[in-house]
Structure formats: structure tokens, C-alpha cells
PDB file of N, CA and C in Angstrom:
ATOM      1  N   UNK A   1      17.863   5.728  15.422  1.00  0.00           N
ATOM      2  CA  UNK A   1      16.906   6.573  14.733  1.00  0.00           C
ATOM      3  C   UNK A   1      15.972   7.181  15.776  1.00  0.00           C
ATOM      4  N   UNK A   2      15.755   8.468  15.649  1.00  0.00           N
ATOM      5  CA  UNK A   2      14.928   9.167  16.626  1.00  0.00           C
ATOM      6  C   UNK A   2      13.444   8.883  16.410  1.00  0.00           C
ATOM      7  N   UNK A   3      12.678   9.176  17.428  1.00  0.00           N
ATOM      8  CA  UNK A   3      11.223   9.012  17.341  1.00  0.00           C
ATOM      9  C   UNK A   3      10.646   9.909  16.246  1.00  0.00           C
ATOM     10  N   UNK A   4      11.159  11.136  16.147  1.00  0.00           N
ATOM     11  CA  UNK A   4      10.685  12.061  15.120  1.00  0.00           C
ATOM     12  C   UNK A   4      10.965  11.510  13.722  1.00  0.00           C
ATOM     13  N   UNK A   5      12.132  10.905  13.536  1.00  0.00           N
ATOM     14  CA  UNK A   5      12.451  10.305  12.242  1.00  0.00           C
ATOM     15  C   UNK A   5      11.464   9.193  11.901  1.00  0.00           C
ATOM     16  N   UNK A   6      11.138   8.364  12.880  1.00  0.00           N
ATOM     17  CA  UNK A   6      10.166   7.286  12.646  1.00  0.00           C
ATOM     18  C   UNK A   6       8.786   7.846  12.306  1.00  0.00           C
ATOM     19  N   UNK A   7       8.385   8.892  12.990  1.00  0.00           N
ATOM     20  CA  UNK A   7       7.090   9.534  12.699  1.00  0.00           C
ATOM     21  C   UNK A   7       7.085  10.069  11.276  1.00  0.00           C
ATOM     22  N   UNK A   8       8.179  10.706  10.865  1.00  0.00           N
ATOM     23  CA  UNK A   8       8.261  11.242   9.509  1.00  0.00           C
ATOM     24  C   UNK A   8       8.200  10.123   8.470  1.00  0.00           C
ATOM     25  N   UNK A   9       8.814   8.991   8.751  1.00  0.00           N
ATOM     26  CA  UNK A   9       8.756   7.859   7.821  1.00  0.00           C
ATOM     27  C   UNK A   9       7.326   7.331   7.714  1.00  0.00           C
ATOM     28  N   UNK A  10       6.628   7.244   8.837  1.00  0.00           N
ATOM     29  CA  UNK A  10       5.222   6.815   8.802  1.00  0.00           C
ATOM     30  C   UNK A  10       4.383   7.812   7.993  1.00  0.00           C
ATOM     31  N   UNK A  11       4.602   9.099   8.212  1.00  0.00           N
ATOM     32  CA  UNK A  11       3.860  10.109   7.451  1.00  0.00           C
ATOM     33  C   UNK A  11       4.184  10.031   5.962  1.00  0.00           C
ATOM     34  N   UNK A  12       5.442   9.761   5.623  1.00  0.00           N
ATOM     35  CA  UNK A  12       5.812   9.598   4.215  1.00  0.00           C
ATOM     36  C   UNK A  12       5.098   8.395   3.610  1.00  0.00           C
ATOM     37  N   UNK A  13       4.971   7.322   4.373  1.00  0.00           N
ATOM     38  CA  UNK A  13       4.259   6.135   3.876  1.00  0.00           C
ATOM     39  C   UNK A  13       2.784   6.453   3.627  1.00  0.00           C
ATOM     40  N   UNK A  14       2.187   7.214   4.527  1.00  0.00           N
ATOM     41  CA  UNK A  14       0.783   7.625   4.343  1.00  0.00           C
ATOM     42  C   UNK A  14       0.660   8.524   3.119  1.00  0.00           C
ATOM     43  N   UNK A  15       1.614   9.450   2.961  1.00  0.00           N
ATOM     44  CA  UNK A  15       1.599  10.316   1.778  1.00  0.00           C
ATOM     45  C   UNK A  15       1.706   9.489   0.504  1.00  0.00           C
ATOM     46  N   UNK A  16       2.580   8.501   0.505  1.00  0.00           N
ATOM     47  CA  UNK A  16       2.737   7.639  -0.665  1.00  0.00           C
ATOM     48  C   UNK A  16       1.465   6.866  -0.980  1.00  0.00           C
ATOM     49  N   UNK A  17       0.852   6.300   0.045  1.00  0.00           N
ATOM     50  CA  UNK A  17      -0.400   5.556  -0.158  1.00  0.00           C
ATOM     51  C   UNK A  17      -1.494   6.478  -0.690  1.00  0.00           C
ATOM     52  N   UNK A  18      -1.607   7.653  -0.098  1.00  0.00           N
ATOM     53  CA  UNK A  18      -2.613   8.614  -0.565  1.00  0.00           C
ATOM     54  C   UNK A  18      -2.326   9.058  -1.996  1.00  0.00           C
ATOM     55  N   UNK A  19      -1.057   9.208  -2.331  1.00  0.00           N
ATOM     56  CA  UNK A  19      -0.690   9.579  -3.695  1.00  0.00           C
ATOM     57  C   UNK A  19      -1.126   8.528  -4.702  1.00  0.00           C
ATOM     58  N   UNK A  20      -0.968   7.256  -4.354  1.00  0.00           N
ATOM     59  CA  UNK A  20      -1.403   6.171  -5.247  1.00  0.00           C
ATOM     60  C   UNK A  20      -2.932   6.158  -5.359  1.00  0.00           C
ATOM     61  N   UNK A  21      -3.613   6.357  -4.251  1.00  0.00           N
ATOM     62  CA  UNK A  21      -5.086   6.411  -4.268  1.00  0.00           C
ATOM     63  C   UNK A  21      -5.566   7.537  -5.176  1.00  0.00           C
ATOM     64  N   UNK A  22      -4.958   8.715  -5.046  1.00  0.00           N
ATOM     65  CA  UNK A  22      -5.357   9.843  -5.885  1.00  0.00           C
ATOM     66  C   UNK A  22      -5.014   9.613  -7.351  1.00  0.00           C
ATOM     67  N   UNK A  23      -3.903   8.929  -7.620  1.00  0.00           N
ATOM     68  CA  UNK A  23      -3.560   8.600  -9.011  1.00  0.00           C
ATOM     69  C   UNK A  23      -4.608   7.674  -9.613  1.00  0.00           C
ATOM     70  N   UNK A  24      -5.057   6.696  -8.838  1.00  0.00           N
ATOM     71  CA  UNK A  24      -6.105   5.795  -9.318  1.00  0.00           C
ATOM     72  C   UNK A  24      -7.407   6.550  -9.548  1.00  0.00           C
ATOM     73  N   UNK A  25      -7.756   7.437  -8.627  1.00  0.00           N
ATOM     74  CA  UNK A  25      -8.975   8.234  -8.791  1.00  0.00           C
ATOM     75  C   UNK A  25      -8.879   9.120 -10.028  1.00  0.00           C
ATOM     76  N   UNK A  26      -7.702   9.687 -10.268  1.00  0.00           N
ATOM     77  CA  UNK A  26      -7.513  10.539 -11.445  1.00  0.00           C
ATOM     78  C   UNK A  26      -7.632   9.729 -12.730  1.00  0.00           C
ATOM     79  N   UNK A  27      -7.138   8.502 -12.702  1.00  0.00           N
ATOM     80  CA  UNK A  27      -7.181   7.661 -13.899  1.00  0.00           C
ATOM     81  C   UNK A  27      -8.595   7.224 -14.252  1.00  0.00           C
ATOM     82  N   UNK A  28      -9.473   7.187 -13.284  1.00  0.00           N
ATOM     83  CA  UNK A  28     -10.829   6.686 -13.515  1.00  0.00           C
ATOM     84  C   UNK A  28     -11.886   7.771 -13.538  1.00  0.00           C
ATOM     85  N   UNK A  29     -11.484   9.018 -13.384  1.00  0.00           N
ATOM     86  CA  UNK A  29     -12.469  10.094 -13.341  1.00  0.00           C
ATOM     87  C   UNK A  29     -12.250  11.121 -14.429  1.00  0.00           C
ATOM     88  N   UNK A  30     -13.338  11.652 -14.909  1.00  0.00           N
ATOM     89  CA  UNK A  30     -13.244  12.749 -15.873  1.00  0.00           C
ATOM     90  C   UNK A  30     -12.921  14.034 -15.115  1.00  0.00           C
ATOM     91  N   UNK A  31     -12.250  14.954 -15.782  1.00  0.00           N
ATOM     92  CA  UNK A  31     -11.927  16.243 -15.169  1.00  0.00           C
ATOM     93  C   UNK A  31     -11.140  16.077 -13.859  1.00  0.00           C
ATOM     94  N   UNK A  32     -10.201  15.164 -13.872  1.00  0.00           N
ATOM     95  CA  UNK A  32      -9.493  14.847 -12.631  1.00  0.00           C
ATOM     96  C   UNK A  32      -8.053  15.357 -12.624  1.00  0.00           C
ATOM     97  N   UNK A  33      -7.768  16.431 -13.352  1.00  0.00           N
ATOM     98  CA  UNK A  33      -6.391  16.928 -13.390  1.00  0.00           C
ATOM     99  C   UNK A  33      -5.918  17.412 -12.019  1.00  0.00           C
ATOM    100  N   UNK A  34      -6.843  17.914 -11.218  1.00  0.00           N
ATOM    101  CA  UNK A  34      -6.466  18.334  -9.854  1.00  0.00           C
ATOM    102  C   UNK A  34      -5.970  17.135  -9.058  1.00  0.00           C
ATOM    103  N   UNK A  35      -6.635  16.000  -9.220  1.00  0.00           N
ATOM    104  CA  UNK A  35      -6.239  14.804  -8.483  1.00  0.00           C
ATOM    105  C   UNK A  35      -4.877  14.296  -8.941  1.00  0.00           C
ATOM    106  N   UNK A  36      -4.602  14.392 -10.233  1.00  0.00           N
ATOM    107  CA  UNK A  36      -3.293  13.980 -10.738  1.00  0.00           C
ATOM    108  C   UNK A  36      -2.195  14.863 -10.163  1.00  0.00           C
ATOM    109  N   UNK A  37      -2.446  16.162 -10.087  1.00  0.00           N
ATOM    110  CA  UNK A  37      -1.460  17.076  -9.497  1.00  0.00           C
ATOM    111  C   UNK A  37      -1.272  16.789  -8.013  1.00  0.00           C
ATOM    112  N   UNK A  38      -2.365  16.545  -7.306  1.00  0.00           N
ATOM    113  CA  UNK A  38      -2.283  16.231  -5.873  1.00  0.00           C
ATOM    114  C   UNK A  38      -1.501  14.936  -5.663  1.00  0.00           C
ATOM    115  N   UNK A  39      -1.776  13.945  -6.512  1.00  0.00           N
ATOM    116  CA  UNK A  39      -1.069  12.667  -6.429  1.00  0.00           C
ATOM    117  C   UNK A  39       0.431  12.859  -6.607  1.00  0.00           C
ATOM    118  N   UNK A  40       0.808  13.605  -7.624  1.00  0.00           N
ATOM    119  CA  UNK A  40       2.230  13.841  -7.885  1.00  0.00           C
ATOM    120  C   UNK A  40       2.917  14.529  -6.715  1.00  0.00           C
ATOM    121  N   UNK A  41       2.268  15.537  -6.168  1.00  0.00           N
ATOM    122  CA  UNK A  41       2.871  16.250  -5.041  1.00  0.00           C
ATOM    123  C   UNK A  41       3.122  15.313  -3.858  1.00  0.00           C
ATOM    124  N   UNK A  42       2.160  14.463  -3.578  1.00  0.00           N
ATOM    125  CA  UNK A  42       2.322  13.544  -2.451  1.00  0.00           C
ATOM    126  C   UNK A  42       3.407  12.502  -2.726  1.00  0.00           C
ATOM    127  N   UNK A  43       3.384  11.917  -3.920  1.00  0.00           N
ATOM    128  CA  UNK A  43       4.360  10.869  -4.223  1.00  0.00           C
ATOM    129  C   UNK A  43       5.788  11.408  -4.270  1.00  0.00           C
ATOM    130  N   UNK A  44       5.990  12.538  -4.953  1.00  0.00           N
ATOM    131  CA  UNK A  44       7.342  13.095  -5.035  1.00  0.00           C
ATOM    132  C   UNK A  44       7.873  13.477  -3.663  1.00  0.00           C
ATOM    133  N   UNK A  45       7.023  14.091  -2.870  1.00  0.00           N
ATOM    134  CA  UNK A  45       7.508  14.610  -1.593  1.00  0.00           C
ATOM    135  C   UNK A  45       7.556  13.551  -0.501  1.00  0.00           C
ATOM    136  N   UNK A  46       6.819  12.458  -0.658  1.00  0.00           N
ATOM    137  CA  UNK A  46       7.000  11.319   0.259  1.00  0.00           C
ATOM    138  C   UNK A  46       8.427  10.794   0.110  1.00  0.00           C
ATOM    139  N   UNK A  47       8.884  10.692  -1.128  1.00  0.00           N
ATOM    140  CA  UNK A  47      10.267  10.254  -1.372  1.00  0.00           C
ATOM    141  C   UNK A  47      11.273  11.265  -0.824  1.00  0.00           C
ATOM    142  N   UNK A  48      10.962  12.540  -0.959  1.00  0.00           N
ATOM    143  CA  UNK A  48      11.857  13.577  -0.430  1.00  0.00           C
ATOM    144  C   UNK A  48      11.956  13.500   1.093  1.00  0.00           C
ATOM    145  N   UNK A  49      10.838  13.212   1.754  1.00  0.00           N
ATOM    146  CA  UNK A  49      10.849  13.058   3.213  1.00  0.00           C
ATOM    147  C   UNK A  49      11.770  11.901   3.596  1.00  0.00           C
ATOM    148  N   UNK A  50      11.597  10.758   2.923  1.00  0.00           N
ATOM    149  CA  UNK A  50      12.440   9.593   3.226  1.00  0.00           C
ATOM    150  C   UNK A  50      13.913   9.906   3.008  1.00  0.00           C
ATOM    151  N   UNK A  51      14.214  10.597   1.918  1.00  0.00           N
ATOM    152  CA  UNK A  51      15.605  10.955   1.642  1.00  0.00           C
ATOM    153  C   UNK A  51      16.177  11.907   2.670  1.00  0.00           C
ATOM    154  N   UNK A  52      15.419  12.920   3.025  1.00  0.00           N
ATOM    155  CA  UNK A  52      15.903  13.898   4.007  1.00  0.00           C
ATOM    156  C   UNK A  52      16.144  13.241   5.361  1.00  0.00           C
ATOM    157  N   UNK A  53      15.229  12.381   5.778  1.00  0.00           N
ATOM    158  CA  UNK A  53      15.393  11.690   7.062  1.00  0.00           C
ATOM    159  C   UNK A  53      16.618  10.780   7.021  1.00  0.00           C
ATOM    160  N   UNK A  54      16.766  10.020   5.949  1.00  0.00           N
ATOM    161  CA  UNK A  54      17.911   9.106   5.840  1.00  0.00           C
ATOM    162  C   UNK A  54      19.232   9.873   5.850  1.00  0.00           C
ATOM    163  N   UNK A  55      19.306  10.956   5.097  1.00  0.00           N
ATOM    164  CA  UNK A  55      20.538  11.744   5.053  1.00  0.00           C
ATOM    165  C   UNK A  55      20.835  12.404   6.394  1.00  0.00           C
ATOM    166  N   UNK A  56      19.796  12.919   7.047  1.00  0.00           N
ATOM    167  CA  UNK A  56      19.999  13.556   8.355  1.00  0.00           C
ATOM    168  C   UNK A  56      20.443  12.535   9.392  1.00  0.00           C
ATOM    169  N   UNK A  57      19.808  11.365   9.382  1.00  0.00           N
ATOM    170  CA  UNK A  57      20.164  10.341  10.365  1.00  0.00           C
ATOM    171  C   UNK A  57      21.572   9.777  10.149  1.00  0.00           C
ATOM    172  N   UNK A  58      22.072   9.882   8.947  1.00  0.00           N
ATOM    173  CA  UNK A  58      23.417   9.386   8.657  1.00  0.00           C
ATOM    174  C   UNK A  58      24.483  10.479   8.783  1.00  0.00           C
ATOM    175  N   UNK A  59      24.060  11.662   9.187  1.00  0.00           N
ATOM    176  CA  UNK A  59      25.007  12.742   9.401  1.00  0.00           C
ATOM    177  C   UNK A  59      25.499  13.411   8.128  1.00  0.00           C
ATOM    178  N   UNK A  60      24.787  13.207   7.016  1.00  0.00           N
ATOM    179  CA  UNK A  60      25.202  13.802   5.753  1.00  0.00           C
ATOM    180  C   UNK A  60      24.592  15.176   5.516  1.00  0.00           C
ATOM    181  N   UNK A  61      23.727  15.586   6.424  1.00  0.00           N
ATOM    182  CA  UNK A  61      23.103  16.906   6.395  1.00  0.00           C
ATOM    183  C   UNK A  61      23.212  17.515   7.781  1.00  0.00           C
ATOM    184  N   UNK A  62      23.063  18.818   7.858  1.00  0.00           N
ATOM    185  CA  UNK A  62      22.843  19.460   9.156  1.00  0.00           C
ATOM    186  C   UNK A  62      21.548  18.847   9.673  1.00  0.00           C
ATOM    187  N   UNK A  63      21.629  18.089  10.750  1.00  0.00           N
ATOM    188  CA  UNK A  63      20.514  17.235  11.177  1.00  0.00           C
ATOM    189  C   UNK A  63      19.219  18.010  11.429  1.00  0.00           C
ATOM    190  N   UNK A  64      19.297  19.067  12.206  1.00  0.00           N
ATOM    191  CA  UNK A  64      18.063  19.803  12.541  1.00  0.00           C
ATOM    192  C   UNK A  64      17.429  20.444  11.315  1.00  0.00           C
ATOM    193  N   UNK A  65      18.244  21.007  10.462  1.00  0.00           N
ATOM    194  CA  UNK A  65      17.716  21.648   9.259  1.00  0.00           C
ATOM    195  C   UNK A  65      17.185  20.604   8.275  1.00  0.00           C
ATOM    196  N   UNK A  66      17.852  19.465   8.186  1.00  0.00           N
ATOM    197  CA  UNK A  66      17.366  18.387   7.322  1.00  0.00           C
ATOM    198  C   UNK A  66      16.023  17.851   7.785  1.00  0.00           C
ATOM    199  N   UNK A  67      15.870  17.658   9.090  1.00  0.00           N
ATOM    200  CA  UNK A  67      14.589  17.189   9.635  1.00  0.00           C
ATOM    201  C   UNK A  67      13.531  18.277   9.482  1.00  0.00           C
ATOM    202  N   UNK A  68      13.919  19.540   9.659  1.00  0.00           N
ATOM    203  CA  UNK A  68      12.959  20.635   9.462  1.00  0.00           C
ATOM    204  C   UNK A  68      12.460  20.665   8.023  1.00  0.00           C
ATOM    205  N   UNK A  69      13.340  20.403   7.068  1.00  0.00           N
ATOM    206  CA  UNK A  69      12.897  20.381   5.672  1.00  0.00           C
ATOM    207  C   UNK A  69      11.950  19.211   5.433  1.00  0.00           C
ATOM    208  N   UNK A  70      12.194  18.066   6.067  1.00  0.00           N
ATOM    209  CA  UNK A  70      11.288  16.921   5.932  1.00  0.00           C
ATOM    210  C   UNK A  70       9.910  17.251   6.510  1.00  0.00           C
ATOM    211  N   UNK A  71       9.889  17.914   7.656  1.00  0.00           N
ATOM    212  CA  UNK A  71       8.614  18.344   8.247  1.00  0.00           C
ATOM    213  C   UNK A  71       7.909  19.314   7.307  1.00  0.00           C
ATOM    214  N   UNK A  72       8.669  20.229   6.724  1.00  0.00           N
ATOM    215  CA  UNK A  72       8.101  21.163   5.755  1.00  0.00           C
ATOM    216  C   UNK A  72       7.490  20.443   4.566  1.00  0.00           C
ATOM    217  N   UNK A  73       8.177  19.405   4.056  1.00  0.00           N
ATOM    218  CA  UNK A  73       7.636  18.628   2.934  1.00  0.00           C
ATOM    219  C   UNK A  73       6.290  18.001   3.301  1.00  0.00           C
ATOM    220  N   UNK A  74       6.193  17.440   4.494  1.00  0.00           N
ATOM    221  CA  UNK A  74       4.946  16.786   4.919  1.00  0.00           C
ATOM    222  C   UNK A  74       3.809  17.808   4.996  1.00  0.00           C
ATOM    223  N   UNK A  75       4.064  18.895   5.696  1.00  0.00           N
ATOM    224  CA  UNK A  75       3.015  19.910   5.876  1.00  0.00           C
ATOM    225  C   UNK A  75       2.620  20.530   4.541  1.00  0.00           C
ATOM    226  N   UNK A  76       3.611  20.923   3.760  1.00  0.00           N
ATOM    227  CA  UNK A  76       3.342  21.633   2.507  1.00  0.00           C
ATOM    228  C   UNK A  76       2.647  20.757   1.480  1.00  0.00           C
ATOM    229  N   UNK A  77       3.126  19.530   1.288  1.00  0.00           N
ATOM    230  CA  UNK A  77       2.490  18.644   0.310  1.00  0.00           C
ATOM    231  C   UNK A  77       1.073  18.299   0.746  1.00  0.00           C
ATOM    232  N   UNK A  78       0.866  18.168   2.044  1.00  0.00           N
ATOM    233  CA  UNK A  78      -0.483  17.890   2.555  1.00  0.00           C
ATOM    234  C   UNK A  78      -1.419  19.068   2.308  1.00  0.00           C
ATOM    235  N   UNK A  79      -0.921  20.272   2.536  1.00  0.00           N
ATOM    236  CA  UNK A  79      -1.721  21.469   2.245  1.00  0.00           C
ATOM    237  C   UNK A  79      -2.090  21.538   0.768  1.00  0.00           C
ATOM    238  N   UNK A  80      -1.084  21.385  -0.078  1.00  0.00           N
ATOM    239  CA  UNK A  80      -1.285  21.495  -1.515  1.00  0.00           C
ATOM    240  C   UNK A  80      -2.259  20.423  -2.003  1.00  0.00           C
ATOM    241  N   UNK A  81      -1.962  19.166  -1.679  1.00  0.00           N
ATOM    242  CA  UNK A  81      -2.795  18.059  -2.155  1.00  0.00           C
ATOM    243  C   UNK A  81      -4.178  18.085  -1.516  1.00  0.00           C
ATOM    244  N   UNK A  82      -4.239  18.429  -0.240  1.00  0.00           N
ATOM    245  CA  UNK A  82      -5.528  18.502   0.443  1.00  0.00           C
ATOM    246  C   UNK A  82      -6.432  19.545  -0.169  1.00  0.00           C
ATOM    247  N   UNK A  83      -5.862  20.688  -0.496  1.00  0.00           N
ATOM    248  CA  UNK A  83      -6.650  21.753  -1.103  1.00  0.00           C
ATOM    249  C   UNK A  83      -7.188  21.326  -2.474  1.00  0.00           C
ATOM    250  N   UNK A  84      -6.313  20.754  -3.315  1.00  0.00           N
ATOM    251  CA  UNK A  84      -6.755  20.328  -4.646  1.00  0.00           C
ATOM    252  C   UNK A  84      -7.802  19.219  -4.572  1.00  0.00           C
ATOM    253  N   UNK A  85      -7.608  18.282  -3.657  1.00  0.00           N
ATOM    254  CA  UNK A  85      -8.554  17.168  -3.522  1.00  0.00           C
ATOM    255  C   UNK A  85      -9.901  17.660  -3.020  1.00  0.00           C
ATOM    256  N   UNK A  86      -9.891  18.538  -2.056  1.00  0.00           N
ATOM    257  CA  UNK A  86     -11.147  19.085  -1.546  1.00  0.00           C
ATOM    258  C   UNK A  86     -11.862  19.889  -2.626  1.00  0.00           C
ATOM    259  N   UNK A  87     -11.121  20.633  -3.415  1.00  0.00           N
ATOM    260  CA  UNK A  87     -11.733  21.378  -4.524  1.00  0.00           C
ATOM    261  C   UNK A  87     -12.390  20.424  -5.524  1.00  0.00           C
ATOM    262  N   UNK A  88     -11.735  19.294  -5.774  1.00  0.00           N
ATOM    263  CA  UNK A  88     -12.273  18.321  -6.726  1.00  0.00           C
ATOM    264  C   UNK A  88     -13.583  17.701  -6.220  1.00  0.00           C
ATOM    265  N   UNK A  89     -13.597  17.317  -4.945  1.00  0.00           N
ATOM    266  CA  UNK A  89     -14.746  16.571  -4.426  1.00  0.00           C
ATOM    267  C   UNK A  89     -15.807  17.429  -3.737  1.00  0.00           C
ATOM    268  N   UNK A  90     -15.405  18.544  -3.131  1.00  0.00           N
ATOM    269  CA  UNK A  90     -16.366  19.354  -2.370  1.00  0.00           C
ATOM    270  C   UNK A  90     -16.677  20.691  -3.042  1.00  0.00           C
ATOM    271  N   UNK A  91     -15.861  21.063  -4.023  1.00  0.00           N
ATOM    272  CA  UNK A  91     -16.117  22.315  -4.715  1.00  0.00           C
ATOM    273  C   UNK A  91     -15.543  23.540  -4.031  1.00  0.00           C
ATOM    274  N   UNK A  92     -14.795  23.347  -2.964  1.00  0.00           N
ATOM    275  CA  UNK A  92     -14.127  24.465  -2.276  1.00  0.00           C
ATOM    276  C   UNK A  92     -12.810  23.957  -1.703  1.00  0.00           C
ATOM    277  N   UNK A  93     -11.911  24.885  -1.414  1.00  0.00           N
ATOM    278  CA  UNK A  93     -10.605  24.513  -0.886  1.00  0.00           C
ATOM    279  C   UNK A  93     -10.573  24.474   0.632  1.00  0.00           C
ATOM    280  N   UNK A  94      -9.401  24.182   1.163  1.00  0.00           N
ATOM    281  CA  UNK A  94      -9.205  24.148   2.619  1.00  0.00           C
ATOM    282  C   UNK A  94      -9.420  25.520   3.226  1.00  0.00           C
ATOM    283  N   UNK A  95      -8.745  26.510   2.665  1.00  0.00           N
ATOM    284  CA  UNK A  95      -8.861  27.911   3.068  1.00  0.00           C
ATOM    285  C   UNK A  95      -8.251  28.728   1.933  1.00  0.00           C
ATOM    286  N   UNK A  96      -8.530  30.017   1.873  1.00  0.00           N
ATOM    287  CA  UNK A  96      -7.977  30.824   0.787  1.00  0.00           C
ATOM    288  C   UNK A  96      -6.442  30.731   0.742  1.00  0.00           C
ATOM    289  N   UNK A  97      -5.927  30.498  -0.446  1.00  0.00           N
ATOM    290  CA  UNK A  97      -4.480  30.443  -0.693  1.00  0.00           C
ATOM    291  C   UNK A  97      -3.792  29.219  -0.080  1.00  0.00           C
ATOM    292  N   UNK A  98      -4.538  28.152   0.213  1.00  0.00           N
ATOM    293  CA  UNK A  98      -3.924  26.961   0.803  1.00  0.00           C
ATOM    294  C   UNK A  98      -2.922  26.312  -0.153  1.00  0.00           C
ATOM    295  N   UNK A  99      -3.308  26.101  -1.412  1.00  0.00           N
ATOM    296  CA  UNK A  99      -2.393  25.473  -2.371  1.00  0.00           C
ATOM    297  C   UNK A  99      -1.155  26.336  -2.624  1.00  0.00           C
ATOM    298  N   UNK A 100      -1.305  27.645  -2.865  1.00  0.00           N
ATOM    299  CA  UNK A 100      -0.094  28.459  -3.044  1.00  0.00           C
ATOM    300  C   UNK A 100       0.784  28.513  -1.786  1.00  0.00           C
ATOM    301  N   UNK A 101       0.154  28.486  -0.634  1.00  0.00           N
ATOM    302  CA  UNK A 101       0.933  28.456   0.614  1.00  0.00           C
ATOM    303  C   UNK A 101       1.728  27.158   0.692  1.00  0.00           C
ATOM    304  N   UNK A 102       1.075  26.051   0.369  1.00  0.00           N
ATOM    305  CA  UNK A 102       1.773  24.767   0.344  1.00  0.00           C
ATOM    306  C   UNK A 102       2.906  24.768  -0.665  1.00  0.00           C
ATOM    307  N   UNK A 103       2.652  25.311  -1.851  1.00  0.00           N
ATOM    308  CA  UNK A 103       3.693  25.377  -2.876  1.00  0.00           C
ATOM    309  C   UNK A 103       4.878  26.217  -2.452  1.00  0.00           C
ATOM    310  N   UNK A 104       4.602  27.343  -1.832  1.00  0.00           N
ATOM    311  CA  UNK A 104       5.678  28.211  -1.352  1.00  0.00           C
ATOM    312  C   UNK A 104       6.491  27.510  -0.263  1.00  0.00           C
ATOM    313  N   UNK A 105       5.802  26.819   0.639  1.00  0.00           N
ATOM    314  CA  UNK A 105       6.501  26.075   1.684  1.00  0.00           C
ATOM    315  C   UNK A 105       7.318  24.924   1.104  1.00  0.00           C
ATOM    316  N   UNK A 106       6.839  24.308   0.019  1.00  0.00           N
ATOM    317  CA  UNK A 106       7.627  23.261  -0.644  1.00  0.00           C
ATOM    318  C   UNK A 106       8.935  23.841  -1.193  1.00  0.00           C
ATOM    319  N   UNK A 107       8.834  24.990  -1.829  1.00  0.00           N
ATOM    320  CA  UNK A 107      10.042  25.640  -2.354  1.00  0.00           C
ATOM    321  C   UNK A 107      11.009  25.940  -1.210  1.00  0.00           C
ATOM    322  N   UNK A 108      10.492  26.497  -0.126  1.00  0.00           N
ATOM    323  CA  UNK A 108      11.347  26.815   1.031  1.00  0.00           C
ATOM    324  C   UNK A 108      11.970  25.556   1.623  1.00  0.00           C
ATOM    325  N   UNK A 109      11.219  24.475   1.648  1.00  0.00           N
ATOM    326  CA  UNK A 109      11.737  23.211   2.198  1.00  0.00           C
ATOM    327  C   UNK A 109      12.856  22.649   1.328  1.00  0.00           C
ATOM    328  N   UNK A 110      12.698  22.741   0.008  1.00  0.00           N
ATOM    329  CA  UNK A 110      13.774  22.299  -0.883  1.00  0.00           C
ATOM    330  C   UNK A 110      15.022  23.153  -0.687  1.00  0.00           C
ATOM    331  N   UNK A 111      14.848  24.455  -0.556  1.00  0.00           N
ATOM    332  CA  UNK A 111      15.999  25.334  -0.325  1.00  0.00           C
ATOM    333  C   UNK A 111      16.652  25.031   1.024  1.00  0.00           C
ATOM    334  N   UNK A 112      15.835  24.762   2.037  1.00  0.00           N
ATOM    335  CA  UNK A 112      16.375  24.402   3.354  1.00  0.00           C
ATOM    336  C   UNK A 112      17.177  23.102   3.278  1.00  0.00           C
ATOM    337  N   UNK A 113      16.700  22.166   2.474  1.00  0.00           N
ATOM    338  CA  UNK A 113      17.435  20.912   2.300  1.00  0.00           C
ATOM    339  C   UNK A 113      18.803  21.176   1.666  1.00  0.00           C
ATOM    340  N   UNK A 114      18.831  22.080   0.691  1.00  0.00           N
ATOM    341  CA  UNK A 114      20.115  22.447   0.086  1.00  0.00           C
ATOM    342  C   UNK A 114      21.061  23.089   1.077  1.00  0.00           C
ATOM    343  N   UNK A 115      20.528  23.978   1.895  1.00  0.00           N
ATOM    344  CA  UNK A 115      21.351  24.617   2.932  1.00  0.00           C
ATOM    345  C   UNK A 115      21.829  23.572   3.934  1.00  0.00           C
ATOM    346  N   UNK A 116      20.968  22.634   4.278  1.00  0.00           N
ATOM    347  CA  UNK A 116      21.346  21.573   5.230  1.00  0.00           C
ATOM    348  C   UNK A 116      22.503  20.737   4.690  1.00  0.00           C
ATOM    349  N   UNK A 117      22.546  20.560   3.383  1.00  0.00           N
ATOM    350  CA  UNK A 117      23.655  19.803   2.778  1.00  0.00           C
ATOM    351  C   UNK A 117      24.947  20.613   2.756  1.00  0.00           C
ATOM    352  N   UNK A 118      24.812  21.920   2.598  1.00  0.00           N
ATOM    353  CA  UNK A 118      25.993  22.787   2.526  1.00  0.00           C
ATOM    354  C   UNK A 118      26.542  23.155   3.905  1.00  0.00           C
ATOM    355  N   UNK A 119      25.685  23.121   4.920  1.00  0.00           N
ATOM    356  CA  UNK A 119      26.058  23.520   6.277  1.00  0.00           C
ATOM    357  C   UNK A 119      27.029  22.495   6.862  1.00  0.00           C
ATOM    358  N   UNK A 120      28.002  22.919   7.621  1.00  0.00           N
ATOM    359  CA  UNK A 120      28.930  21.956   8.255  1.00  0.00           C
ATOM    360  C   UNK A 120      28.190  20.983   9.169  1.00  0.00           C
ATOM    361  N   UNK A 121      28.675  19.769   9.184  1.00  0.00           N
ATOM    362  CA  UNK A 121      28.084  18.751  10.050  1.00  0.00           C
ATOM    363  C   UNK A 121      28.186  19.146  11.502  1.00  0.00           C
ATOM    364  N   UNK A 122      27.183  18.742  12.279  1.00  0.00           N
ATOM    365  CA  UNK A 122      27.197  19.031  13.704  1.00  0.00           C
ATOM    366  C   UNK A 122      28.151  18.100  14.412  1.00  0.00           C
ATOM    367  N   UNK A 123      28.820  18.629  15.465  1.00  0.00           N
ATOM    368  CA  UNK A 123      29.738  17.954  16.340  1.00  0.00           C
ATOM    369  C   UNK A 123      29.882  16.532  16.171  1.00  0.00           C
TER     370      UNK A 123
END
């Protein structure tokens, strides 16, 4: 397993932990729908990162594209969830269009994962 794969697994674990924290915060707070959405994005995509890394490391995906999609999941879910969480607690987002940018990158990452599965295996 490559160093990058291990880093992605650690980041997925952090995303999962943060997703659970945000779910708990959403359950105990009024007007916390943003936190529930942020939690879901982190939890779903933490699992996607783990899956993409496992499939790439086992040669079931085009390795570089599979790892690129995992990196995209980490960045995009962090943007999306970070923006929603900051809006909930600070009253402003990360930067204009941060959540839509994260969402668009999530869509692109899922499509890249599909292409990685369809692409012929490397040497």
C-alpha cells in the first residue's frame, strides 16, 4: 500500500469522525439541518474514499484515476461540509460558492471513479 493510500485512509477516518460529531450536533441543536447535511456528506464520502483506495490498490480500477477520485472526494466533501458548518456556527461560509463547488467536484469525482472502473487495468 502506498503512502498516499495510507494518507487517504487517515483522512477518511477523520472525515468519518467529523461526520459523527456533526450528526450529534445536529441531533441536539435546533435549526441544525445544515449540520445534518454536512454530516451526511462526510460520512458517505469517507466510505467512498475507503472503497476507491481499496479498489485501486487491488488493481480493480485504473489506479491513478481511482486515487484521483478519492482525493476529489476528500477535498470536495470537506469544502461542502466546511462551508455548511461555518455557516451554521459563524453565520458566513468559507468563500462564495464553496458548497456548490464542493458539490460539483463530488459529482466529477464519482464520474471519475466510474471511468476508472471502465478503463483498462494498468500494466
